[in-house]
C-alpha atoms as a PDB file:
ATOM      1  CA  UNK A   1     -17.311  -2.031   5.834  1.00  0.00           C
ATOM      2  CA  UNK A   2     -20.400   0.328   6.819  1.00  0.00           C
ATOM      3  CA  UNK A   3     -20.143   3.831   5.335  1.00  0.00           C
ATOM      4  CA  UNK A   4     -22.509   6.510   6.308  1.00  0.00           C
ATOM      5  CA  UNK A   5     -23.341  10.154   5.608  1.00  0.00           C
ATOM      6  CA  UNK A   6     -23.658  12.478   9.029  1.00  0.00           C
ATOM      7  CA  UNK A   7     -26.155  15.057   8.271  1.00  0.00           C
ATOM      8  CA  UNK A   8     -29.441  13.842   7.176  1.00  0.00           C
ATOM      9  CA  UNK A   9     -28.223  10.431   7.508  1.00  0.00           C
ATOM     10  CA  UNK A  10     -26.855   9.541  11.100  1.00  0.00           C
ATOM     11  CA  UNK A  11     -28.154  12.794  12.659  1.00  0.00           C
ATOM     12  CA  UNK A  12     -31.718  13.321  13.110  1.00  0.00           C
ATOM     13  CA  UNK A  13     -33.202  16.615  12.642  1.00  0.00           C
ATOM     14  CA  UNK A  14     -31.973  18.194  15.873  1.00  0.00           C
ATOM     15  CA  UNK A  15     -28.573  17.353  14.979  1.00  0.00           C
ATOM     16  CA  UNK A  16     -28.197  14.429  17.313  1.00  0.00           C
ATOM     17  CA  UNK A  17     -27.102  10.653  17.289  1.00  0.00           C
ATOM     18  CA  UNK A  18     -29.977   8.682  18.619  1.00  0.00           C
ATOM     19  CA  UNK A  19     -28.984   5.982  20.972  1.00  0.00           C
ATOM     20  CA  UNK A  20     -30.420   3.401  18.866  1.00  0.00           C
ATOM     21  CA  UNK A  21     -28.284   4.286  16.093  1.00  0.00           C
ATOM     22  CA  UNK A  22     -25.079   4.840  18.244  1.00  0.00           C
ATOM     23  CA  UNK A  23     -25.835   1.473  19.855  1.00  0.00           C
ATOM     24  CA  UNK A  24     -26.354  -0.337  16.839  1.00  0.00           C
ATOM     25  CA  UNK A  25     -23.240   1.028  15.172  1.00  0.00           C
ATOM     26  CA  UNK A  26     -21.383  -0.017  18.158  1.00  0.00           C
ATOM     27  CA  UNK A  27     -22.725  -3.775  17.912  1.00  0.00           C
ATOM     28  CA  UNK A  28     -21.771  -3.860  14.201  1.00  0.00           C
ATOM     29  CA  UNK A  29     -18.079  -2.615  14.926  1.00  0.00           C
ATOM     30  CA  UNK A  30     -17.830  -5.105  17.683  1.00  0.00           C
ATOM     31  CA  UNK A  31     -18.667  -7.866  15.406  1.00  0.00           C
ATOM     32  CA  UNK A  32     -15.682  -6.827  13.105  1.00  0.00           C
ATOM     33  CA  UNK A  33     -17.208  -4.556  10.829  1.00  0.00           C
ATOM     34  CA  UNK A  34     -15.127  -1.322   9.800  1.00  0.00           C
ATOM     35  CA  UNK A  35     -17.359   1.990  10.562  1.00  0.00           C
ATOM     36  CA  UNK A  36     -16.285   4.983   8.349  1.00  0.00           C
ATOM     37  CA  UNK A  37     -18.303   8.455   8.578  1.00  0.00           C
ATOM     38  CA  UNK A  38     -18.584  10.078   5.348  1.00  0.00           C
ATOM     39  CA  UNK A  39     -19.144  13.570   5.021  1.00  0.00           C
ATOM     40  CA  UNK A  40     -18.969  17.094   3.661  1.00  0.00           C
ATOM     41  CA  UNK A  41     -17.763  18.519   7.165  1.00  0.00           C
ATOM     42  CA  UNK A  42     -14.572  19.551   7.955  1.00  0.00           C
ATOM     43  CA  UNK A  43     -12.640  16.867  10.180  1.00  0.00           C
ATOM     44  CA  UNK A  44     -12.880  19.420  13.286  1.00  0.00           C
ATOM     45  CA  UNK A  45     -16.908  20.196  12.735  1.00  0.00           C
ATOM     46  CA  UNK A  46     -17.256  16.178  12.309  1.00  0.00           C
ATOM     47  CA  UNK A  47     -15.152  14.762  15.262  1.00  0.00           C
ATOM     48  CA  UNK A  48     -17.645  15.741  17.988  1.00  0.00           C
ATOM     49  CA  UNK A  49     -20.315  13.419  16.473  1.00  0.00           C
ATOM     50  CA  UNK A  50     -18.039  10.521  16.851  1.00  0.00           C
ATOM     51  CA  UNK A  51     -18.064  11.099  20.673  1.00  0.00           C
ATOM     52  CA  UNK A  52     -21.658   9.779  20.614  1.00  0.00           C
ATOM     53  CA  UNK A  53     -20.772   6.685  18.951  1.00  0.00           C
ATOM     54  CA  UNK A  54     -18.992   4.547  21.127  1.00  0.00           C
ATOM     55  CA  UNK A  55     -16.608   2.455  19.119  1.00  0.00           C
ATOM     56  CA  UNK A  56     -13.449   3.261  17.051  1.00  0.00           C
ATOM     57  CA  UNK A  57     -13.875   4.389  13.482  1.00  0.00           C
ATOM     58  CA  UNK A  58     -12.663   6.786  10.362  1.00  0.00           C
ATOM     59  CA  UNK A  59     -13.632   9.580   8.882  1.00  0.00           C
ATOM     60  CA  UNK A  60     -13.742  10.773   5.105  1.00  0.00           C
ATOM     61  CA  UNK A  61     -14.342  14.292   5.579  1.00  0.00           C
ATOM     62  CA  UNK A  62     -14.665  17.147   2.958  1.00  0.00           C
ATOM     63  CA  UNK A  63     -16.683  15.112   0.381  1.00  0.00           C
ATOM     64  CA  UNK A  64     -13.609  12.442   0.115  1.00  0.00           C
ATOM     65  CA  UNK A  65     -10.460  15.040   0.108  1.00  0.00           C
ATOM     66  CA  UNK A  66      -9.257  13.840   3.488  1.00  0.00           C
ATOM     67  CA  UNK A  67      -9.313  10.663   5.647  1.00  0.00           C
ATOM     68  CA  UNK A  68      -8.573  10.814   9.297  1.00  0.00           C
ATOM     69  CA  UNK A  69      -8.711   8.429  12.323  1.00  0.00           C
ATOM     70  CA  UNK A  70     -10.855   9.192  15.187  1.00  0.00           C
ATOM     71  CA  UNK A  71      -7.882  10.485  17.049  1.00  0.00           C
ATOM     72  CA  UNK A  72      -7.082  12.857  14.151  1.00  0.00           C
ATOM     73  CA  UNK A  73      -4.218  10.848  12.060  1.00  0.00           C
ATOM     74  CA  UNK A  74      -4.324  11.627   8.711  1.00  0.00           C
ATOM     75  CA  UNK A  75      -4.469   9.113   6.279  1.00  0.00           C
ATOM     76  CA  UNK A  76      -5.057  10.501   3.102  1.00  0.00           C
ATOM     77  CA  UNK A  77      -5.286  14.077   1.599  1.00  0.00           C
ATOM     78  CA  UNK A  78      -5.912  15.348  -1.896  1.00  0.00           C
ATOM     79  CA  UNK A  79      -5.727  19.063  -1.895  1.00  0.00           C
ATOM     80  CA  UNK A  80      -7.087  21.698  -4.714  1.00  0.00           C
ATOM     81  CA  UNK A  81      -4.098  23.355  -6.290  1.00  0.00           C
ATOM     82  CA  UNK A  82      -3.978  26.965  -4.882  1.00  0.00           C
ATOM     83  CA  UNK A  83      -3.998  28.274  -8.768  1.00  0.00           C
ATOM     84  CA  UNK A  84      -7.223  26.419  -9.698  1.00  0.00           C
ATOM     85  CA  UNK A  85      -8.642  27.782  -6.206  1.00  0.00           C
ATOM     86  CA  UNK A  86      -7.692  31.290  -7.399  1.00  0.00           C
ATOM     87  CA  UNK A  87      -9.296  31.232 -10.752  1.00  0.00           C
ATOM     88  CA  UNK A  88     -12.454  29.539  -9.382  1.00  0.00           C
ATOM     89  CA  UNK A  89     -12.811  32.607  -6.718  1.00  0.00           C
ATOM     90  CA  UNK A  90     -11.848  35.363  -9.440  1.00  0.00           C
ATOM     91  CA  UNK A  91     -14.517  33.966 -11.261  1.00  0.00           C
ATOM     92  CA  UNK A  92     -17.368  33.783  -8.893  1.00  0.00           C
ATOM     93  CA  UNK A  93     -16.838  37.326  -7.483  1.00  0.00           C
ATOM     94  CA  UNK A  94     -20.752  38.087  -7.626  1.00  0.00           C
ATOM     95  CA  UNK A  95     -20.906  35.081  -5.217  1.00  0.00           C
ATOM     96  CA  UNK A  96     -18.029  35.596  -2.880  1.00  0.00           C
ATOM     97  CA  UNK A  97     -20.112  36.810   0.178  1.00  0.00           C
ATOM     98  CA  UNK A  98     -20.986  33.205   0.823  1.00  0.00           C
ATOM     99  CA  UNK A  99     -17.416  31.756  -0.195  1.00  0.00           C
ATOM    100  CA  UNK A 100     -14.673  30.253   2.075  1.00  0.00           C
ATOM    101  CA  UNK A 101     -11.422  28.746   1.488  1.00  0.00           C
ATOM    102  CA  UNK A 102     -10.905  25.607   3.611  1.00  0.00           C
ATOM    103  CA  UNK A 103      -7.522  24.554   4.879  1.00  0.00           C
ATOM    104  CA  UNK A 104      -6.058  21.553   6.531  1.00  0.00           C
ATOM    105  CA  UNK A 105      -4.748  23.490   9.563  1.00  0.00           C
ATOM    106  CA  UNK A 106      -4.982  23.065  13.207  1.00  0.00           C
ATOM    107  CA  UNK A 107      -7.605  25.163  14.520  1.00  0.00           C
ATOM    108  CA  UNK A 108      -6.904  28.923  13.502  1.00  0.00           C
ATOM    109  CA  UNK A 109      -7.605  29.984   9.883  1.00  0.00           C
ATOM    110  CA  UNK A 110      -9.077  26.664   8.709  1.00  0.00           C
ATOM    111  CA  UNK A 111     -11.750  28.510   7.124  1.00  0.00           C
ATOM    112  CA  UNK A 112     -11.112  32.034   5.567  1.00  0.00           C
ATOM    113  CA  UNK A 113     -13.650  34.074   4.275  1.00  0.00           C
ATOM    114  CA  UNK A 114     -13.816  37.750   3.101  1.00  0.00           C
ATOM    115  CA  UNK A 115     -16.782  38.897   5.297  1.00  0.00           C
ATOM    116  CA  UNK A 116     -18.476  37.223   8.150  1.00  0.00           C
ATOM    117  CA  UNK A 117     -22.129  38.060   9.002  1.00  0.00           C
ATOM    118  CA  UNK A 118     -22.473  36.173  12.338  1.00  0.00           C
ATOM    119  CA  UNK A 119     -26.275  36.679  11.848  1.00  0.00           C
ATOM    120  CA  UNK A 120     -26.530  35.674   8.429  1.00  0.00           C
ATOM    121  CA  UNK A 121     -30.164  33.699   8.070  1.00  0.00           C
ATOM    122  CA  UNK A 122     -28.527  30.872   6.169  1.00  0.00           C
ATOM    123  CA  UNK A 123     -24.662  30.929   7.234  1.00  0.00           C
ATOM    124  CA  UNK A 124     -24.738  32.351  10.733  1.00  0.00           C
ATOM    125  CA  UNK A 125     -25.515  29.265  12.606  1.00  0.00           C
ATOM    126  CA  UNK A 126     -22.738  27.594  11.054  1.00  0.00           C
ATOM    127  CA  UNK A 127     -20.274  30.437  11.489  1.00  0.00           C
ATOM    128  CA  UNK A 128     -21.116  30.985  15.220  1.00  0.00           C
ATOM    129  CA  UNK A 129     -20.368  27.154  15.921  1.00  0.00           C
ATOM    130  CA  UNK A 130     -17.223  27.453  14.098  1.00  0.00           C
ATOM    131  CA  UNK A 131     -16.015  30.876  15.283  1.00  0.00           C
ATOM    132  CA  UNK A 132     -12.425  29.350  16.413  1.00  0.00           C
ATOM    133  CA  UNK A 133     -11.548  28.340  12.970  1.00  0.00           C
ATOM    134  CA  UNK A 134     -12.366  31.401  11.269  1.00  0.00           C
ATOM    135  CA  UNK A 135     -10.046  33.897   9.993  1.00  0.00           C
ATOM    136  CA  UNK A 136     -10.876  36.875   7.538  1.00  0.00           C
ATOM    137  CA  UNK A 137      -9.065  38.197   4.432  1.00  0.00           C
ATOM    138  CA  UNK A 138      -9.856  40.662   1.710  1.00  0.00           C
ATOM    139  CA  UNK A 139      -9.615  40.031  -1.022  1.00  0.00           C
ATOM    140  CA  UNK A 140     -10.125  36.247  -0.372  1.00  0.00           C
ATOM    141  CA  UNK A 141      -7.627  35.299  -2.895  1.00  0.00           C
ATOM    142  CA  UNK A 142      -5.110  36.620  -0.564  1.00  0.00           C
ATOM    143  CA  UNK A 143      -5.345  33.855   1.496  1.00  0.00           C
ATOM    144  CA  UNK A 144      -3.747  31.598  -1.038  1.00  0.00           C
ATOM    145  CA  UNK A 145      -0.521  32.576  -0.311  1.00  0.00           C
ATOM    146  CA  UNK A 146       1.482  29.179  -1.130  1.00  0.00           C
ATOM    147  CA  UNK A 147      -0.466  26.829   0.934  1.00  0.00           C
ATOM    148  CA  UNK A 148      -2.869  24.525  -1.268  1.00  0.00           C
ATOM    149  CA  UNK A 149      -6.522  24.537   0.196  1.00  0.00           C
ATOM    150  CA  UNK A 150      -8.509  21.288   0.633  1.00  0.00           C
ATOM    151  CA  UNK A 151     -11.585  22.929  -1.330  1.00  0.00           C
ATOM    152  CA  UNK A 152     -13.187  26.356  -2.112  1.00  0.00           C
ATOM    153  CA  UNK A 153     -17.127  26.110  -0.576  1.00  0.00           C
ATOM    154  CA  UNK A 154     -19.941  28.201  -1.207  1.00  0.00           C
ATOM    155  CA  UNK A 155     -23.075  28.494   1.280  1.00  0.00           C
ATOM    156  CA  UNK A 156     -26.042  30.236   0.073  1.00  0.00           C
ATOM    157  CA  UNK A 157     -29.602  29.701  -1.009  1.00  0.00           C
ATOM    158  CA  UNK A 158     -30.538  26.915  -3.440  1.00  0.00           C
ATOM    159  CA  UNK A 159     -31.071  29.341  -6.120  1.00  0.00           C
ATOM    160  CA  UNK A 160     -27.634  31.064  -5.811  1.00  0.00           C
ATOM    161  CA  UNK A 161     -25.863  27.885  -5.196  1.00  0.00           C
ATOM    162  CA  UNK A 162     -27.447  26.463  -8.569  1.00  0.00           C
ATOM    163  CA  UNK A 163     -26.146  29.859 -10.133  1.00  0.00           C
ATOM    164  CA  UNK A 164     -22.844  29.551  -9.020  1.00  0.00           C
ATOM    165  CA  UNK A 165     -22.598  25.821  -9.909  1.00  0.00           C
ATOM    166  CA  UNK A 166     -23.939  26.464 -13.240  1.00  0.00           C
ATOM    167  CA  UNK A 167     -21.341  29.204 -13.643  1.00  0.00           C
ATOM    168  CA  UNK A 168     -18.270  26.742 -12.421  1.00  0.00           C
ATOM    169  CA  UNK A 169     -19.706  24.024 -15.023  1.00  0.00           C
ATOM    170  CA  UNK A 170     -19.199  26.339 -17.980  1.00  0.00           C
ATOM    171  CA  UNK A 171     -15.569  27.763 -17.014  1.00  0.00           C
ATOM    172  CA  UNK A 172     -12.763  27.036 -19.291  1.00  0.00           C
ATOM    173  CA  UNK A 173     -11.068  25.204 -16.348  1.00  0.00           C
ATOM    174  CA  UNK A 174     -14.059  23.367 -15.394  1.00  0.00           C
ATOM    175  CA  UNK A 175     -12.397  19.748 -16.185  1.00  0.00           C
ATOM    176  CA  UNK A 176      -9.573  20.668 -13.584  1.00  0.00           C
ATOM    177  CA  UNK A 177     -11.837  20.664 -10.195  1.00  0.00           C
ATOM    178  CA  UNK A 178     -15.040  18.526  -9.145  1.00  0.00           C
ATOM    179  CA  UNK A 179     -18.164  19.882  -7.842  1.00  0.00           C
ATOM    180  CA  UNK A 180     -20.029  18.413  -4.949  1.00  0.00           C
ATOM    181  CA  UNK A 181     -23.498  19.751  -4.322  1.00  0.00           C
ATOM    182  CA  UNK A 182     -25.417  19.359  -1.222  1.00  0.00           C
ATOM    183  CA  UNK A 183     -29.208  20.856  -0.856  1.00  0.00           C
ATOM    184  CA  UNK A 184     -31.621  21.241   1.834  1.00  0.00           C
ATOM    185  CA  UNK A 185     -34.586  22.534   0.062  1.00  0.00           C
ATOM    186  CA  UNK A 186     -36.878  22.795   3.038  1.00  0.00           C
ATOM    187  CA  UNK A 187     -34.524  25.026   4.712  1.00  0.00           C
ATOM    188  CA  UNK A 188     -33.295  26.804   1.591  1.00  0.00           C
ATOM    189  CA  UNK A 189     -29.824  25.965   2.176  1.00  0.00           C
ATOM    190  CA  UNK A 190     -27.034  24.529  -0.483  1.00  0.00           C
ATOM    191  CA  UNK A 191     -23.279  23.893  -0.041  1.00  0.00           C
ATOM    192  CA  UNK A 192     -21.264  23.802  -3.137  1.00  0.00           C
ATOM    193  CA  UNK A 193     -17.771  22.332  -3.010  1.00  0.00           C
ATOM    194  CA  UNK A 194     -15.050  22.810  -5.270  1.00  0.00           C
ATOM    195  CA  UNK A 195     -12.700  20.146  -4.792  1.00  0.00           C
ATOM    196  CA  UNK A 196      -9.556  18.649  -6.628  1.00  0.00           C
ATOM    197  CA  UNK A 197     -10.186  16.829  -9.931  1.00  0.00           C
ATOM    198  CA  UNK A 198     -11.761  13.628  -9.335  1.00  0.00           C
ATOM    199  CA  UNK A 199     -12.193  13.812  -5.727  1.00  0.00           C
ATOM    200  CA  UNK A 200     -15.663  12.605  -4.207  1.00  0.00           C
ATOM    201  CA  UNK A 201     -17.134  10.503  -1.325  1.00  0.00           C
ATOM    202  CA  UNK A 202     -16.964   7.603  -3.647  1.00  0.00           C
ATOM    203  CA  UNK A 203     -13.703   7.669  -4.790  1.00  0.00           C
ATOM    204  CA  UNK A 204     -12.563   8.050  -1.203  1.00  0.00           C
ATOM    205  CA  UNK A 205     -14.694   5.365  -0.198  1.00  0.00           C
ATOM    206  CA  UNK A 206     -13.140   2.881  -2.854  1.00  0.00           C
ATOM    207  CA  UNK A 207      -9.497   3.871  -1.660  1.00  0.00           C
ATOM    208  CA  UNK A 208     -10.287   3.166   1.944  1.00  0.00           C
ATOM    209  CA  UNK A 209     -11.891  -0.140   1.214  1.00  0.00           C
ATOM    210  CA  UNK A 210      -9.116  -1.083  -0.930  1.00  0.00           C
ATOM    211  CA  UNK A 211      -6.492  -0.163   1.798  1.00  0.00           C
ATOM    212  CA  UNK A 212      -8.464  -2.115   4.600  1.00  0.00           C
ATOM    213  CA  UNK A 213      -8.788  -5.161   2.226  1.00  0.00           C
ATOM    214  CA  UNK A 214     -12.621  -4.866   2.044  1.00  0.00           C
ATOM    215  CA  UNK A 215     -14.417  -5.884  -1.427  1.00  0.00           C
ATOM    216  CA  UNK A 216     -16.767  -3.926  -2.750  1.00  0.00           C
ATOM    217  CA  UNK A 217     -19.263  -6.278  -2.184  1.00  0.00           C
ATOM    218  CA  UNK A 218     -18.903  -6.297   1.416  1.00  0.00           C
ATOM    219  CA  UNK A 219     -19.545  -2.231   1.613  1.00  0.00           C
ATOM    220  CA  UNK A 220     -22.749  -0.990   2.769  1.00  0.00           C
ATOM    221  CA  UNK A 221     -23.241   2.809   2.162  1.00  0.00           C
ATOM    222  CA  UNK A 222     -26.243   4.960   3.411  1.00  0.00           C
ATOM    223  CA  UNK A 223     -26.922   8.554   2.161  1.00  0.00           C
ATOM    224  CA  UNK A 224     -29.366  11.043   1.576  1.00  0.00           C
ATOM    225  CA  UNK A 225     -28.028  13.674  -0.618  1.00  0.00           C
ATOM    226  CA  UNK A 226     -26.660  14.475  -4.142  1.00  0.00           C
ATOM    227  CA  UNK A 227     -22.972  14.394  -2.803  1.00  0.00           C
ATOM    228  CA  UNK A 228     -23.636  10.794  -1.686  1.00  0.00           C
ATOM    229  CA  UNK A 229     -24.451   9.711  -5.114  1.00  0.00           C
ATOM    230  CA  UNK A 230     -20.913   8.671  -5.847  1.00  0.00           C
ATOM    231  CA  UNK A 231     -20.821   6.560  -2.579  1.00  0.00           C
ATOM    232  CA  UNK A 232     -23.877   4.608  -3.020  1.00  0.00           C
ATOM    233  CA  UNK A 233     -23.016   3.900  -6.594  1.00  0.00           C
ATOM    234  CA  UNK A 234     -19.530   2.327  -5.243  1.00  0.00           C
ATOM    235  CA  UNK A 235     -21.140   0.114  -2.518  1.00  0.00           C
ATOM    236  CA  UNK A 236     -22.162  -3.190  -2.989  1.00  0.00           C
ATOM    237  CA  UNK A 237     -25.177  -2.507  -0.702  1.00  0.00           C
ATOM    238  CA  UNK A 238     -26.379   1.110  -1.307  1.00  0.00           C
ATOM    239  CA  UNK A 239     -29.036   2.361   1.196  1.00  0.00           C
ATOM    240  CA  UNK A 240     -31.183   5.469   0.500  1.00  0.00           C
ATOM    241  CA  UNK A 241     -32.575   7.407   3.668  1.00  0.00           C
ATOM    242  CA  UNK A 242     -36.299   7.826   3.853  1.00  0.00           C
ATOM    243  CA  UNK A 243     -35.722  11.414   3.758  1.00  0.00           C
ATOM    244  CA  UNK A 244     -33.315  11.714   1.167  1.00  0.00           C
ATOM    245  CA  UNK A 245     -33.689  14.160  -2.148  1.00  0.00           C
ATOM    246  CA  UNK A 246     -36.072  12.327  -4.592  1.00  0.00           C
ATOM    247  CA  UNK A 247     -33.513  11.931  -7.299  1.00  0.00           C
ATOM    248  CA  UNK A 248     -31.738   8.938  -5.193  1.00  0.00           C
ATOM    249  CA  UNK A 249     -35.177   7.147  -4.453  1.00  0.00           C
ATOM    250  CA  UNK A 250     -35.013   6.778  -8.555  1.00  0.00           C
ATOM    251  CA  UNK A 251     -31.975   4.488  -8.394  1.00  0.00           C
ATOM    252  CA  UNK A 252     -33.619   1.411  -7.543  1.00  0.00           C
ATOM    253  CA  UNK A 253     -31.469   1.620  -4.338  1.00  0.00           C
ATOM    254  CA  UNK A 254     -32.944  -0.183  -0.985  1.00  0.00           C
ATOM    255  CA  UNK A 255     -34.989   2.873   1.046  1.00  0.00           C
ATOM    256  CA  UNK A 256     -34.591   2.405   4.692  1.00  0.00           C
ATOM    257  CA  UNK A 257     -36.581   4.993   7.618  1.00  0.00           C
ATOM    258  CA  UNK A 258     -35.809   8.537   7.564  1.00  0.00           C
ATOM    259  CA  UNK A 259     -33.016   9.993  10.037  1.00  0.00           C
ATOM    260  CA  UNK A 260     -35.811  10.532  12.508  1.00  0.00           C
ATOM    261  CA  UNK A 261     -37.011   7.385  12.655  1.00  0.00           C
ATOM    262  CA  UNK A 262     -33.688   5.684  12.966  1.00  0.00           C
ATOM    263  CA  UNK A 263     -33.156   4.678   9.728  1.00  0.00           C
ATOM    264  CA  UNK A 264     -29.434   3.883  10.095  1.00  0.00           C
ATOM    265  CA  UNK A 265     -29.872   1.477  12.783  1.00  0.00           C
ATOM    266  CA  UNK A 266     -32.774  -0.218  10.690  1.00  0.00           C
ATOM    267  CA  UNK A 267     -30.701  -0.882   7.530  1.00  0.00           C
ATOM    268  CA  UNK A 268     -27.853  -1.887   9.845  1.00  0.00           C
ATOM    269  CA  UNK A 269     -29.957  -4.397  11.534  1.00  0.00           C
ATOM    270  CA  UNK A 270     -31.593  -5.458   8.754  1.00  0.00           C
ATOM    271  CA  UNK A 271     -28.905  -5.901   6.186  1.00  0.00           C
ATOM    272  CA  UNK A 272     -25.721  -6.296   8.237  1.00  0.00           C
ATOM    273  CA  UNK A 273     -26.545  -7.895  11.876  1.00  0.00           C
ATOM    274  CA  UNK A 274     -29.420 -10.215  10.417  1.00  0.00           C
ATOM    275  CA  UNK A 275     -32.221  -8.194  12.571  1.00  0.00           C
ATOM    276  CA  UNK A 276     -32.363  -8.589  15.806  1.00  0.00           C
ATOM    277  CA  UNK A 277     -31.896  -5.596  18.673  1.00  0.00           C
ATOM    278  CA  UNK A 278     -29.366  -3.393  19.583  1.00  0.00           C
ATOM    279  CA  UNK A 279     -27.207  -3.784  23.007  1.00  0.00           C
ATOM    280  CA  UNK A 280     -29.955  -3.836  25.679  1.00  0.00           C
ATOM    281  CA  UNK A 281     -27.164  -2.172  28.199  1.00  0.00           C
ATOM    282  CA  UNK A 282     -27.472   1.203  26.306  1.00  0.00           C
ATOM    283  CA  UNK A 283     -29.483   3.733  28.016  1.00  0.00           C
ATOM    284  CA  UNK A 284     -31.995   5.378  25.734  1.00  0.00           C
ATOM    285  CA  UNK A 285     -32.342   8.854  24.715  1.00  0.00           C
ATOM    286  CA  UNK A 286     -30.276  11.326  22.131  1.00  0.00           C
ATOM    287  CA  UNK A 287     -26.839  12.146  22.059  1.00  0.00           C
ATOM    288  CA  UNK A 288     -25.464  15.722  20.799  1.00  0.00           C
END
């Protein structure tokens, strides 16, 4: 089994899947290797990435809360209890401008926000790309009307996200949820997710590998950010991207090339396929 993060790992800095990565992943799958895309994204935000990878695969989304097939069939859900989500939101009112409550719903009102600034310098691009999935309600806690969400999420600059994380780490209810942080310091963008207690990419990958009858020693995982740490710790073969946050490179794990140098393809060829090149029939050029 090969599990890989999407942003900063599979995707290059232009948010594209290179032809080299796509062909090499497809070759691995053709040899009987399970392919899993493991991401902090929602399924509908991650699903278009799969169209650039010409093979069957599964998604672990929302930092481990949801597992779905390529065609959207749900295999696993770990939802955040709505009463915990409410307490989290009430305790972080000063950071609510960047907060969203994410639900496992078809299209409309998947992402609930209190206010939407479509031109926000940090969040605007994501908001515009996900316009059809976003609903607005004030106060934000009003969306917690019986349905348990997948998560509460905060997208902000790095300083504010760190402050939000510190606040949440010190709440009396802190043991009732898990925090997952993704940071892009060069863009001054951080994403902080509040998930059901015990949820992580690593836990979900372990459960999926067990269901598929794949031993830990037969799992290779690739990632670049803080929220990939548990996944890398679980994998028998953890691979860190050359562009990863510095902390991951201090763990003694193998480091591959950067996401702009097709580090995913390089690692798969080296450690899963025994070197060699990808399918020569593939046409060169990036895929969106």
